[in-house]
PDB file of N, CA and C in Angstrom:
ATOM      1  N   MET A   1      24.192 -16.696 -28.620  1.00  0.00           N
ATOM      2  CA  MET A   1      23.087 -16.325 -27.694  1.00  0.00           C
ATOM      3  C   MET A   1      23.040 -17.014 -26.501  1.00  0.00           C
ATOM      4  N   MET A   2      23.292 -18.387 -26.435  1.00  0.00           N
ATOM      5  CA  MET A   2      23.277 -19.103 -25.264  1.00  0.00           C
ATOM      6  C   MET A   2      24.307 -18.646 -24.407  1.00  0.00           C
ATOM      7  N   SER A   3      25.644 -18.246 -24.886  1.00  0.00           N
ATOM      8  CA  SER A   3      26.681 -17.822 -23.986  1.00  0.00           C
ATOM      9  C   SER A   3      26.028 -16.509 -23.391  1.00  0.00           C
ATOM     10  N   MET A   4      25.406 -15.606 -23.854  1.00  0.00           N
ATOM     11  CA  MET A   4      25.079 -14.456 -23.482  1.00  0.00           C
ATOM     12  C   MET A   4      24.050 -14.677 -22.137  1.00  0.00           C
ATOM     13  N   GLN A   5      23.189 -15.668 -22.394  1.00  0.00           N
ATOM     14  CA  GLN A   5      22.216 -16.243 -21.278  1.00  0.00           C
ATOM     15  C   GLN A   5      23.046 -16.743 -20.132  1.00  0.00           C
ATOM     16  N   ILE A   6      23.984 -17.476 -20.421  1.00  0.00           N
ATOM     17  CA  ILE A   6      24.740 -18.055 -19.254  1.00  0.00           C
ATOM     18  C   ILE A   6      25.332 -16.915 -18.574  1.00  0.00           C
ATOM     19  N   ASN A   7      26.194 -16.061 -19.415  1.00  0.00           N
ATOM     20  CA  ASN A   7      26.703 -14.978 -18.762  1.00  0.00           C
ATOM     21  C   ASN A   7      25.577 -13.985 -17.971  1.00  0.00           C
ATOM     22  N   ALA A   8      24.679 -13.936 -18.410  1.00  0.00           N
ATOM     23  CA  ALA A   8      23.641 -13.195 -17.679  1.00  0.00           C
ATOM     24  C   ALA A   8      23.235 -13.936 -16.327  1.00  0.00           C
ATOM     25  N   TYR A   9      23.106 -15.088 -16.393  1.00  0.00           N
ATOM     26  CA  TYR A   9      22.840 -16.068 -15.121  1.00  0.00           C
ATOM     27  C   TYR A   9      24.107 -15.878 -14.136  1.00  0.00           C
ATOM     28  N   ALA A  10      25.211 -15.951 -14.752  1.00  0.00           N
ATOM     29  CA  ALA A  10      26.421 -15.921 -13.856  1.00  0.00           C
ATOM     30  C   ALA A  10      26.451 -14.442 -13.202  1.00  0.00           C
ATOM     31  N   ASN A  11      26.220 -13.434 -13.958  1.00  0.00           N
ATOM     32  CA  ASN A  11      26.344 -12.139 -13.263  1.00  0.00           C
ATOM     33  C   ASN A  11      25.172 -11.906 -12.387  1.00  0.00           C
ATOM     34  N   ALA A  12      24.064 -12.553 -12.591  1.00  0.00           N
ATOM     35  CA  ALA A  12      22.919 -12.126 -11.652  1.00  0.00           C
ATOM     36  C   ALA A  12      23.034 -13.028 -10.184  1.00  0.00           C
ATOM     37  N   ILE A  13      23.818 -14.286 -10.311  1.00  0.00           N
ATOM     38  CA  ILE A  13      24.122 -14.786  -9.221  1.00  0.00           C
ATOM     39  C   ILE A  13      25.321 -14.180  -8.565  1.00  0.00           C
ATOM     40  N   GLY A  14      26.212 -13.665  -9.364  1.00  0.00           N
ATOM     41  CA  GLY A  14      27.341 -13.048  -8.805  1.00  0.00           C
ATOM     42  C   GLY A  14      26.725 -11.635  -8.049  1.00  0.00           C
ATOM     43  N   ASN A  15      25.996 -10.943  -8.530  1.00  0.00           N
ATOM     44  CA  ASN A  15      25.314  -9.782  -7.926  1.00  0.00           C
ATOM     45  C   ASN A  15      24.421 -10.110  -6.769  1.00  0.00           C
ATOM     46  N   THR A  16      23.938 -11.267  -6.666  1.00  0.00           N
ATOM     47  CA  THR A  16      23.047 -11.737  -5.514  1.00  0.00           C
ATOM     48  C   THR A  16      24.221 -12.141  -4.373  1.00  0.00           C
ATOM     49  N   ILE A  17      25.202 -12.704  -4.641  1.00  0.00           N
ATOM     50  CA  ILE A  17      26.019 -13.120  -3.600  1.00  0.00           C
ATOM     51  C   ILE A  17      26.777 -11.867  -3.159  1.00  0.00           C
ATOM     52  N   ARG A  18      27.032 -10.817  -4.051  1.00  0.00           N
ATOM     53  CA  ARG A  18      27.785  -9.661  -3.577  1.00  0.00           C
ATOM     54  C   ARG A  18      26.803  -8.962  -2.560  1.00  0.00           C
ATOM     55  N   GLN A  19      25.626  -8.843  -3.038  1.00  0.00           N
ATOM     56  CA  GLN A  19      24.599  -8.160  -2.157  1.00  0.00           C
ATOM     57  C   GLN A  19      24.351  -8.770  -0.888  1.00  0.00           C
ATOM     58  N   GLU A  20      24.257 -10.207  -0.831  1.00  0.00           N
ATOM     59  CA  GLU A  20      23.924 -10.877   0.383  1.00  0.00           C
ATOM     60  C   GLU A  20      25.238 -10.649   1.263  1.00  0.00           C
ATOM     61  N   SER A  21      26.427 -10.738   0.811  1.00  0.00           N
ATOM     62  CA  SER A  21      27.646 -10.569   1.696  1.00  0.00           C
ATOM     63  C   SER A  21      27.640  -9.135   2.410  1.00  0.00           C
ATOM     64  N   LYS A  22      27.068  -8.179   1.634  1.00  0.00           N
ATOM     65  CA  LYS A  22      27.098  -6.854   2.246  1.00  0.00           C
ATOM     66  C   LYS A  22      26.123  -6.650   3.233  1.00  0.00           C
ATOM     67  N   SER A  23      24.815  -7.048   3.265  1.00  0.00           N
ATOM     68  CA  SER A  23      23.805  -6.994   4.157  1.00  0.00           C
ATOM     69  C   SER A  23      22.944  -8.007   4.224  1.00  0.00           C
ATOM     70  N   VAL A  24      23.160  -9.106   5.102  1.00  0.00           N
ATOM     71  CA  VAL A  24      22.346 -10.132   5.079  1.00  0.00           C
ATOM     72  C   VAL A  24      20.847  -9.924   5.291  1.00  0.00           C
ATOM     73  N   PRO A  25      20.565  -9.085   6.412  1.00  0.00           N
ATOM     74  CA  PRO A  25      19.135  -8.877   6.622  1.00  0.00           C
ATOM     75  C   PRO A  25      18.538  -8.187   5.423  1.00  0.00           C
ATOM     76  N   ALA A  26      18.936  -7.354   4.751  1.00  0.00           N
ATOM     77  CA  ALA A  26      18.381  -6.704   3.689  1.00  0.00           C
ATOM     78  C   ALA A  26      18.026  -7.596   2.356  1.00  0.00           C
ATOM     79  N   ALA A  27      19.039  -8.683   2.228  1.00  0.00           N
ATOM     80  CA  ALA A  27      18.824  -9.581   0.929  1.00  0.00           C
ATOM     81  C   ALA A  27      18.031 -10.475   1.301  1.00  0.00           C
ATOM     82  N   GLU A  28      17.327 -10.776   2.280  1.00  0.00           N
ATOM     83  CA  GLU A  28      16.358 -11.691   2.576  1.00  0.00           C
ATOM     84  C   GLU A  28      15.288 -11.862   1.593  1.00  0.00           C
ATOM     85  N   GLY A  29      15.279 -13.093   0.855  1.00  0.00           N
ATOM     86  CA  GLY A  29      14.089 -13.235  -0.036  1.00  0.00           C
ATOM     87  C   GLY A  29      14.377 -13.098  -1.635  1.00  0.00           C
ATOM     88  N   GLN A  30      15.742 -12.593  -1.685  1.00  0.00           N
ATOM     89  CA  GLN A  30      16.225 -12.131  -3.093  1.00  0.00           C
ATOM     90  C   GLN A  30      16.682 -13.477  -3.717  1.00  0.00           C
ATOM     91  N   PHE A  31      17.322 -14.325  -3.090  1.00  0.00           N
ATOM     92  CA  PHE A  31      17.755 -15.598  -3.650  1.00  0.00           C
ATOM     93  C   PHE A  31      16.505 -16.438  -4.154  1.00  0.00           C
ATOM     94  N   GLY A  32      15.663 -16.414  -3.351  1.00  0.00           N
ATOM     95  CA  GLY A  32      14.304 -17.216  -3.756  1.00  0.00           C
ATOM     96  C   GLY A  32      13.659 -16.692  -5.001  1.00  0.00           C
ATOM     97  N   ALA A  33      13.724 -15.336  -5.113  1.00  0.00           N
ATOM     98  CA  ALA A  33      13.116 -14.764  -6.235  1.00  0.00           C
ATOM     99  C   ALA A  33      13.793 -14.944  -7.308  1.00  0.00           C
ATOM    100  N   LEU A  34      15.094 -14.953  -7.204  1.00  0.00           N
ATOM    101  CA  LEU A  34      16.040 -15.246  -8.348  1.00  0.00           C
ATOM    102  C   LEU A  34      15.902 -16.539  -9.004  1.00  0.00           C
ATOM    103  N   ILE A  35      15.810 -17.582  -8.195  1.00  0.00           N
ATOM    104  CA  ILE A  35      15.512 -18.837  -8.465  1.00  0.00           C
ATOM    105  C   ILE A  35      14.243 -19.084  -9.178  1.00  0.00           C
ATOM    106  N   GLN A  36      13.149 -18.282  -8.638  1.00  0.00           N
ATOM    107  CA  GLN A  36      11.797 -18.407  -9.218  1.00  0.00           C
ATOM    108  C   GLN A  36      11.858 -17.814 -10.539  1.00  0.00           C
ATOM    109  N   GLN A  37      12.609 -16.807 -10.817  1.00  0.00           N
ATOM    110  CA  GLN A  37      12.731 -16.050 -12.153  1.00  0.00           C
ATOM    111  C   GLN A  37      13.361 -16.963 -13.160  1.00  0.00           C
ATOM    112  N   TYR A  38      14.391 -17.615 -12.703  1.00  0.00           N
ATOM    113  CA  TYR A  38      15.037 -18.701 -13.591  1.00  0.00           C
ATOM    114  C   TYR A  38      14.272 -19.832 -13.999  1.00  0.00           C
ATOM    115  N   VAL A  39      13.262 -20.391 -12.895  1.00  0.00           N
ATOM    116  CA  VAL A  39      12.458 -21.333 -13.202  1.00  0.00           C
ATOM    117  C   VAL A  39      11.387 -20.895 -14.215  1.00  0.00           C
ATOM    118  N   GLU A  40      10.905 -19.699 -14.235  1.00  0.00           N
ATOM    119  CA  GLU A  40       9.945 -19.301 -14.928  1.00  0.00           C
ATOM    120  C   GLU A  40      10.525 -18.998 -16.425  1.00  0.00           C
ATOM    121  N   GLN A  41      11.741 -18.559 -16.587  1.00  0.00           N
ATOM    122  CA  GLN A  41      12.365 -18.488 -17.818  1.00  0.00           C
ATOM    123  C   GLN A  41      12.431 -19.696 -18.421  1.00  0.00           C
ATOM    124  N   THR A  42      12.688 -20.715 -17.711  1.00  0.00           N
ATOM    125  CA  THR A  42      13.286 -22.036 -18.121  1.00  0.00           C
ATOM    126  C   THR A  42      11.816 -22.695 -18.660  1.00  0.00           C
ATOM    127  N   ASN A  43      10.581 -22.491 -18.073  1.00  0.00           N
ATOM    128  CA  ASN A  43       9.267 -22.806 -18.393  1.00  0.00           C
ATOM    129  C   ASN A  43       8.930 -22.303 -19.682  1.00  0.00           C
ATOM    130  N   THR A  44       9.072 -20.963 -19.540  1.00  0.00           N
ATOM    131  CA  THR A  44       8.839 -20.117 -21.023  1.00  0.00           C
ATOM    132  C   THR A  44       9.629 -20.773 -22.130  1.00  0.00           C
ATOM    133  N   GLN A  45      10.896 -21.182 -21.954  1.00  0.00           N
ATOM    134  CA  GLN A  45      11.600 -21.621 -23.017  1.00  0.00           C
ATOM    135  C   GLN A  45      11.022 -22.936 -23.464  1.00  0.00           C
ATOM    136  N   GLU A  46      10.756 -23.827 -22.430  1.00  0.00           N
ATOM    137  CA  GLU A  46      10.094 -25.058 -22.808  1.00  0.00           C
ATOM    138  C   GLU A  46       8.832 -24.866 -23.600  1.00  0.00           C
ATOM    139  N   LYS A  47       7.997 -24.024 -23.275  1.00  0.00           N
ATOM    140  CA  LYS A  47       6.773 -23.711 -24.009  1.00  0.00           C
ATOM    141  C   LYS A  47       7.024 -23.277 -25.265  1.00  0.00           C
ATOM    142  N   VAL A  48       7.928 -22.333 -25.501  1.00  0.00           N
ATOM    143  CA  VAL A  48       8.322 -21.916 -26.942  1.00  0.00           C
ATOM    144  C   VAL A  48       8.662 -23.155 -27.696  1.00  0.00           C
ATOM    145  N   ALA A  49       9.755 -23.989 -27.299  1.00  0.00           N
ATOM    146  CA  ALA A  49      10.062 -25.119 -27.813  1.00  0.00           C
ATOM    147  C   ALA A  49       9.200 -26.010 -28.196  1.00  0.00           C
ATOM    148  N   GLY A  50       8.211 -26.252 -27.349  1.00  0.00           N
ATOM    149  CA  GLY A  50       7.052 -27.118 -27.598  1.00  0.00           C
ATOM    150  C   GLY A  50       6.091 -26.609 -28.756  1.00  0.00           C
ATOM    151  N   LYS A  51       5.831 -25.458 -28.801  1.00  0.00           N
ATOM    152  CA  LYS A  51       5.064 -24.728 -29.774  1.00  0.00           C
ATOM    153  C   LYS A  51       5.769 -24.693 -30.926  1.00  0.00           C
ATOM    154  N   ALA A  52       7.219 -24.564 -31.136  1.00  0.00           N
ATOM    155  CA  ALA A  52       7.871 -24.732 -32.326  1.00  0.00           C
ATOM    156  C   ALA A  52       7.882 -25.919 -32.878  1.00  0.00           C
ATOM    157  N   SER A  53       8.017 -27.005 -32.002  1.00  0.00           N
ATOM    158  CA  SER A  53       7.987 -28.330 -32.711  1.00  0.00           C
ATOM    159  C   SER A  53       6.571 -28.768 -33.193  1.00  0.00           C
ATOM    160  N   VAL A  54       5.592 -28.356 -32.337  1.00  0.00           N
ATOM    161  CA  VAL A  54       4.219 -28.718 -33.008  1.00  0.00           C
ATOM    162  C   VAL A  54       4.053 -28.036 -34.164  1.00  0.00           C
ATOM    163  N   GLU A  55       4.349 -26.695 -34.426  1.00  0.00           N
ATOM    164  CA  GLU A  55       4.099 -26.038 -35.560  1.00  0.00           C
ATOM    165  C   GLU A  55       5.037 -26.682 -36.728  1.00  0.00           C
ATOM    166  N   LEU A  56       6.277 -27.309 -36.440  1.00  0.00           N
ATOM    167  CA  LEU A  56       6.991 -27.954 -37.540  1.00  0.00           C
ATOM    168  C   LEU A  56       6.305 -29.192 -37.962  1.00  0.00           C
ATOM    169  N   ALA A  57       5.829 -29.956 -36.828  1.00  0.00           N
ATOM    170  CA  ALA A  57       5.311 -31.138 -37.045  1.00  0.00           C
ATOM    171  C   ALA A  57       3.922 -31.188 -37.917  1.00  0.00           C
ATOM    172  N   THR A  58       2.985 -30.004 -37.753  1.00  0.00           N
ATOM    173  CA  THR A  58       1.899 -29.873 -38.397  1.00  0.00           C
ATOM    174  C   THR A  58       2.019 -29.153 -39.763  1.00  0.00           C
ATOM    175  N   GLY A  59       3.199 -28.640 -40.024  1.00  0.00           N
ATOM    176  CA  GLY A  59       3.483 -28.062 -41.343  1.00  0.00           C
ATOM    177  C   GLY A  59       3.193 -26.476 -41.190  1.00  0.00           C
ATOM    178  N   LYS A  60       2.981 -25.856 -40.205  1.00  0.00           N
ATOM    179  CA  LYS A  60       2.479 -24.625 -40.114  1.00  0.00           C
ATOM    180  C   LYS A  60       4.047 -23.749 -40.327  1.00  0.00           C
ATOM    181  N   SER A  61       5.103 -24.496 -39.913  1.00  0.00           N
ATOM    182  CA  SER A  61       6.492 -23.761 -40.005  1.00  0.00           C
ATOM    183  C   SER A  61       7.238 -24.689 -40.749  1.00  0.00           C
ATOM    184  N   HIS A  62       8.145 -24.042 -41.566  1.00  0.00           N
ATOM    185  CA  HIS A  62       9.234 -24.989 -42.422  1.00  0.00           C
ATOM    186  C   HIS A  62      10.560 -24.750 -41.994  1.00  0.00           C
ATOM    187  N   ASN A  63      10.765 -23.927 -40.928  1.00  0.00           N
ATOM    188  CA  ASN A  63      12.033 -23.581 -40.479  1.00  0.00           C
ATOM    189  C   ASN A  63      12.563 -24.567 -39.466  1.00  0.00           C
ATOM    190  N   VAL A  64      13.288 -25.571 -39.946  1.00  0.00           N
ATOM    191  CA  VAL A  64      13.836 -26.585 -38.993  1.00  0.00           C
ATOM    192  C   VAL A  64      14.954 -25.970 -38.049  1.00  0.00           C
ATOM    193  N   SER A  65      15.781 -25.168 -38.682  1.00  0.00           N
ATOM    194  CA  SER A  65      16.972 -24.623 -37.806  1.00  0.00           C
ATOM    195  C   SER A  65      16.419 -23.693 -36.618  1.00  0.00           C
ATOM    196  N   GLU A  66      15.316 -23.059 -36.731  1.00  0.00           N
ATOM    197  CA  GLU A  66      14.719 -22.140 -35.658  1.00  0.00           C
ATOM    198  C   GLU A  66      14.004 -23.197 -34.608  1.00  0.00           C
ATOM    199  N   THR A  67      13.420 -24.346 -34.929  1.00  0.00           N
ATOM    200  CA  THR A  67      12.781 -25.146 -34.145  1.00  0.00           C
ATOM    201  C   THR A  67      13.900 -25.921 -33.208  1.00  0.00           C
ATOM    202  N   ILE A  68      15.063 -26.341 -34.026  1.00  0.00           N
ATOM    203  CA  ILE A  68      16.067 -26.955 -33.228  1.00  0.00           C
ATOM    204  C   ILE A  68      16.978 -26.043 -32.370  1.00  0.00           C
ATOM    205  N   LEU A  69      16.920 -24.837 -32.684  1.00  0.00           N
ATOM    206  CA  LEU A  69      17.556 -23.920 -31.825  1.00  0.00           C
ATOM    207  C   LEU A  69      16.751 -23.574 -30.582  1.00  0.00           C
ATOM    208  N   ALA A  70      15.474 -23.694 -30.784  1.00  0.00           N
ATOM    209  CA  ALA A  70      14.360 -23.318 -29.637  1.00  0.00           C
ATOM    210  C   ALA A  70      14.622 -24.620 -28.662  1.00  0.00           C
ATOM    211  N   LEU A  71      14.644 -25.811 -29.209  1.00  0.00           N
ATOM    212  CA  LEU A  71      14.690 -27.007 -28.635  1.00  0.00           C
ATOM    213  C   LEU A  71      16.112 -26.979 -27.696  1.00  0.00           C
ATOM    214  N   GLN A  72      17.160 -26.664 -28.242  1.00  0.00           N
ATOM    215  CA  GLN A  72      18.435 -26.611 -27.560  1.00  0.00           C
ATOM    216  C   GLN A  72      18.475 -25.688 -26.485  1.00  0.00           C
ATOM    217  N   LYS A  73      17.874 -24.513 -26.750  1.00  0.00           N
ATOM    218  CA  LYS A  73      17.794 -23.361 -25.690  1.00  0.00           C
ATOM    219  C   LYS A  73      17.195 -23.899 -24.491  1.00  0.00           C
ATOM    220  N   ALA A  74      15.961 -24.656 -24.847  1.00  0.00           N
ATOM    221  CA  ALA A  74      15.187 -25.127 -23.736  1.00  0.00           C
ATOM    222  C   ALA A  74      16.079 -26.241 -22.910  1.00  0.00           C
ATOM    223  N   ASN A  75      16.627 -27.027 -23.612  1.00  0.00           N
ATOM    224  CA  ASN A  75      17.431 -28.149 -23.128  1.00  0.00           C
ATOM    225  C   ASN A  75      18.499 -27.618 -22.203  1.00  0.00           C
ATOM    226  N   LEU A  76      19.138 -26.642 -22.741  1.00  0.00           N
ATOM    227  CA  LEU A  76      20.346 -26.077 -22.081  1.00  0.00           C
ATOM    228  C   LEU A  76      19.875 -25.338 -20.571  1.00  0.00           C
ATOM    229  N   SER A  77      18.741 -24.682 -20.719  1.00  0.00           N
ATOM    230  CA  SER A  77      18.221 -23.948 -19.634  1.00  0.00           C
ATOM    231  C   SER A  77      17.760 -24.867 -18.481  1.00  0.00           C
ATOM    232  N   PHE A  78      17.059 -26.015 -19.068  1.00  0.00           N
ATOM    233  CA  PHE A  78      16.779 -27.048 -18.041  1.00  0.00           C
ATOM    234  C   PHE A  78      17.924 -27.646 -17.525  1.00  0.00           C
ATOM    235  N   GLN A  79      18.948 -28.058 -18.225  1.00  0.00           N
ATOM    236  CA  GLN A  79      20.152 -28.371 -17.616  1.00  0.00           C
ATOM    237  C   GLN A  79      20.664 -27.677 -16.638  1.00  0.00           C
ATOM    238  N   LEU A  80      20.741 -26.224 -16.879  1.00  0.00           N
ATOM    239  CA  LEU A  80      21.307 -25.502 -15.983  1.00  0.00           C
ATOM    240  C   LEU A  80      20.564 -25.364 -14.687  1.00  0.00           C
ATOM    241  N   MET A  81      19.287 -25.278 -14.672  1.00  0.00           N
ATOM    242  CA  MET A  81      18.403 -25.340 -13.680  1.00  0.00           C
ATOM    243  C   MET A  81      18.424 -26.741 -12.682  1.00  0.00           C
ATOM    244  N   LEU A  82      18.654 -27.644 -13.485  1.00  0.00           N
ATOM    245  CA  LEU A  82      18.896 -29.040 -12.701  1.00  0.00           C
ATOM    246  C   LEU A  82      20.205 -29.044 -12.121  1.00  0.00           C
ATOM    247  N   SER A  83      21.075 -28.525 -12.656  1.00  0.00           N
ATOM    248  CA  SER A  83      22.522 -28.535 -12.121  1.00  0.00           C
ATOM    249  C   SER A  83      22.471 -27.575 -10.729  1.00  0.00           C
ATOM    250  N   VAL A  84      21.772 -26.309 -10.920  1.00  0.00           N
ATOM    251  CA  VAL A  84      21.764 -25.681  -9.621  1.00  0.00           C
ATOM    252  C   VAL A  84      20.953 -26.207  -8.608  1.00  0.00           C
ATOM    253  N   ARG A  85      19.816 -26.879  -8.895  1.00  0.00           N
ATOM    254  CA  ARG A  85      19.107 -27.632  -7.984  1.00  0.00           C
ATOM    255  C   ARG A  85      19.921 -28.649  -7.238  1.00  0.00           C
ATOM    256  N   ASN A  86      20.623 -29.468  -8.056  1.00  0.00           N
ATOM    257  CA  ASN A  86      21.338 -30.461  -7.452  1.00  0.00           C
ATOM    258  C   ASN A  86      22.385 -29.873  -6.464  1.00  0.00           C
ATOM    259  N   LYS A  87      23.234 -28.829  -6.942  1.00  0.00           N
ATOM    260  CA  LYS A  87      24.279 -28.335  -6.145  1.00  0.00           C
ATOM    261  C   LYS A  87      23.492 -27.635  -4.779  1.00  0.00           C
ATOM    262  N   LEU A  88      22.287 -27.121  -4.783  1.00  0.00           N
ATOM    263  CA  LEU A  88      21.593 -26.593  -3.769  1.00  0.00           C
ATOM    264  C   LEU A  88      21.235 -27.763  -2.742  1.00  0.00           C
ATOM    265  N   VAL A  89      20.805 -28.863  -3.347  1.00  0.00           N
ATOM    266  CA  VAL A  89      20.458 -30.137  -2.452  1.00  0.00           C
ATOM    267  C   VAL A  89      21.762 -30.725  -1.778  1.00  0.00           C
ATOM    268  N   ASP A  90      22.805 -30.778  -2.546  1.00  0.00           N
ATOM    269  CA  ASP A  90      23.959 -31.214  -2.021  1.00  0.00           C
ATOM    270  C   ASP A  90      24.666 -30.152  -0.926  1.00  0.00           C
ATOM    271  N   ALA A  91      24.402 -28.997  -1.090  1.00  0.00           N
ATOM    272  CA  ALA A  91      24.804 -27.991   0.036  1.00  0.00           C
ATOM    273  C   ALA A  91      23.791 -28.187   1.133  1.00  0.00           C
ATOM    274  N   TYR A  92      22.709 -28.289   1.179  1.00  0.00           N
ATOM    275  CA  TYR A  92      21.538 -28.603   2.053  1.00  0.00           C
ATOM    276  C   TYR A  92      22.036 -29.914   2.812  1.00  0.00           C
ATOM    277  N   ARG A  93      22.446 -31.059   2.066  1.00  0.00           N
ATOM    278  CA  ARG A  93      22.714 -32.199   2.882  1.00  0.00           C
ATOM    279  C   ARG A  93      24.036 -32.036   3.614  1.00  0.00           C
ATOM    280  N   GLU A  94      24.908 -31.365   2.992  1.00  0.00           N
ATOM    281  CA  GLU A  94      26.407 -31.121   3.837  1.00  0.00           C
ATOM    282  C   GLU A  94      25.878 -30.334   5.090  1.00  0.00           C
ATOM    283  N   VAL A  95      25.000 -29.345   5.118  1.00  0.00           N
ATOM    284  CA  VAL A  95      24.774 -28.494   6.109  1.00  0.00           C
ATOM    285  C   VAL A  95      24.218 -29.267   7.276  1.00  0.00           C
ATOM    286  N   MET A  96      23.248 -30.332   6.721  1.00  0.00           N
ATOM    287  CA  MET A  96      22.621 -31.191   7.683  1.00  0.00           C
ATOM    288  C   MET A  96      23.294 -32.269   8.411  1.00  0.00           C
ATOM    289  N   ARG A  97      24.558 -32.579   7.725  1.00  0.00           N
ATOM    290  CA  ARG A  97      25.428 -33.442   8.280  1.00  0.00           C
ATOM    291  C   ARG A  97      26.288 -32.925   9.352  1.00  0.00           C
ATOM    292  N   MET A  98      26.323 -31.629   9.216  1.00  0.00           N
ATOM    293  CA  MET A  98      27.182 -30.954  10.293  1.00  0.00           C
ATOM    294  C   MET A  98      26.933 -31.127  11.644  1.00  0.00           C
ATOM    295  N   GLN A  99      27.843 -31.442  12.470  1.00  0.00           N
ATOM    296  CA  GLN A  99      27.563 -31.804  13.989  1.00  0.00           C
ATOM    297  C   GLN A  99      27.858 -30.444  14.719  1.00  0.00           C
ATOM    298  N   VAL A 100      26.894 -30.249  15.698  1.00  0.00           N
ATOM    299  CA  VAL A 100      26.882 -28.955  16.332  1.00  0.00           C
ATOM    300  C   VAL A 100      27.229 -29.115  17.871  1.00  0.00           C
TER     301      VAL A 100
END
């Protein structure tokens, strides 16, 4: 399941890059929308994981494996977004260091 999400992220990023390389003016704002979509998905997964852990702790749910799976999905999604953010910040810093 997680590899499917990672593949979906990779495909979406690849599609965005291909679209931007074809027509830069037409692709304006798509990258920001893509990042916003991933942040919202990560937030949703964090909420689902939080809800699952609360239900397990209060005794409403007895399915430990689903709770752990939800927590791992949220963790992986957050780590992916953090890595993307770090790469974007590094790229920004590199561009700012360029001498014109």
